[in-house]
Protein backbone atom coordinates (compact mmCIF):
# COMPACT_ATOMS: atom_id res chain seq x y z
CA MET A 1 83.64 128.93 77.84
CA SER A 2 82.92 126.90 75.36
CA ARG A 3 84.80 124.01 73.19
CA THR A 4 85.38 127.01 70.23
CA GLY A 5 87.45 128.55 73.59
CA LYS A 6 84.64 131.46 73.59
CA LYS A 7 82.36 132.51 76.58
CA CYS A 8 78.84 130.95 76.00
CA ALA A 9 77.26 133.70 78.16
CA ASP A 10 79.08 135.83 75.61
CA SER A 11 77.54 134.74 71.84
CA ALA A 12 74.14 135.65 71.51
CA GLY A 13 72.81 132.92 69.30
CA ALA A 14 75.41 130.32 70.91
CA ALA A 15 71.62 128.59 72.48
CA ASP A 16 69.99 128.89 69.29
CA GLN A 17 72.79 127.03 67.05
CA PRO A 18 71.53 123.09 65.79
CA ALA A 19 73.00 120.54 68.59
CA ASP A 20 74.71 118.74 66.09
CA GLY A 21 77.86 116.91 67.64
CA ASP A 22 76.23 117.94 70.88
CA GLN A 23 75.50 113.89 71.60
CA GLU A 24 79.75 113.75 71.54
CA LEU A 25 79.86 115.98 74.85
CA THR A 26 81.04 114.49 78.06
CA LEU A 27 79.54 114.28 81.23
CA GLU A 28 81.94 116.66 82.74
CA VAL A 29 81.26 118.81 79.83
CA ARG A 30 77.75 119.53 79.93
CA LEU A 31 78.08 119.86 83.53
CA ARG A 32 80.24 122.97 83.14
CA ARG A 33 77.77 124.51 80.69
CA LEU A 34 75.26 123.53 82.65
CA ASP A 35 76.84 125.63 85.30
CA GLU A 36 77.73 128.84 82.98
CA ILE A 37 73.90 128.53 82.27
CA ILE A 38 72.32 128.85 85.33
CA ALA A 39 75.07 131.80 85.83
CA ALA A 40 73.69 133.77 83.43
CA LEU A 41 70.49 132.68 84.21
CA GLU A 42 70.95 133.86 87.46
CA GLY A 43 72.56 136.47 86.74
CA GLY A 44 69.32 138.62 84.88
CA GLY A 45 71.38 139.88 82.58
CA ALA A 46 69.36 137.64 79.43
CA ASP A 47 66.62 138.76 77.94
CA LEU A 48 63.29 136.82 77.61
CA GLU A 49 64.00 135.13 74.21
CA ARG A 50 67.90 134.39 75.44
CA GLY A 51 66.61 133.09 78.92
CA LEU A 52 64.55 130.59 77.16
CA ALA A 53 66.95 129.74 74.58
CA LEU A 54 69.89 128.78 77.49
CA PHE A 55 66.57 126.86 79.56
CA GLU A 56 66.29 125.38 76.46
CA GLU A 57 70.15 124.23 75.88
CA GLY A 58 70.10 122.91 79.83
CA VAL A 59 67.02 120.68 79.19
CA ARG A 60 69.06 119.16 76.23
CA HIS A 61 71.96 118.93 79.05
CA ILE A 62 70.47 117.46 81.52
CA ARG A 63 68.19 114.66 79.23
CA GLN A 64 71.74 113.79 77.60
CA ALA A 65 73.66 113.22 80.68
CA GLU A 66 71.24 111.53 82.23
CA GLY A 67 71.48 109.13 79.51
CA LEU A 68 75.13 108.65 79.87
CA LEU A 69 74.62 108.25 83.64
CA ALA A 70 72.34 105.34 82.97
CA ARG A 71 74.67 103.53 80.14
CA ALA A 72 77.58 103.96 83.06
CA GLU A 73 75.45 102.48 85.50
CA LEU A 74 73.98 99.39 82.91
CA ARG A 75 78.04 98.85 81.98
CA VAL A 76 78.62 98.37 85.52
CA HIS A 77 75.76 96.12 86.02
CA GLU A 78 76.88 94.13 83.48
CA LEU A 79 80.55 93.58 84.70
CA VAL A 80 79.84 93.25 88.28
CA GLY A 81 77.07 90.24 87.43
CA ASP A 82 74.00 89.20 89.16
CA SER A 83 74.00 92.07 91.37
CA GLU A 84 71.84 90.05 93.85
CA ALA A 85 74.62 87.23 94.85
CA ARG A 86 77.11 90.15 94.93
CA GLU A 87 77.34 92.77 97.27
CA LEU A 88 77.29 96.08 95.72
CA ARG A 89 79.11 99.16 98.00
CA PRO A 90 80.31 102.72 96.56
CA PHE A 91 83.53 103.84 95.43
CA GLU A 92 86.07 104.63 97.57
CA ASP A 93 88.69 106.63 96.69
CA GLY A 94 91.88 105.60 98.02
CA GLY A 95 93.58 108.25 96.89
CA GLU A 96 92.76 111.14 99.09
């Protein structure tokens, strides 16, 4: 579902809409939308133009997600400080 509560695959022009406000989406929202796009493309029901529009939207989400992850990584490095002087360990979730 999209931010408006409508199924994205059902709204024929959703991928054709401008990307205004698109940069405000969270990583989680982007990943969910990418899952929807993949399902729509794998389903084979989209015509060529719709498939290209979905693909283009997917590429936009991937690029923005990469930017979000790069900024998060930079923040972690800034918080940790000198990475050579400290040992970085993978995060272990103690809740499970």
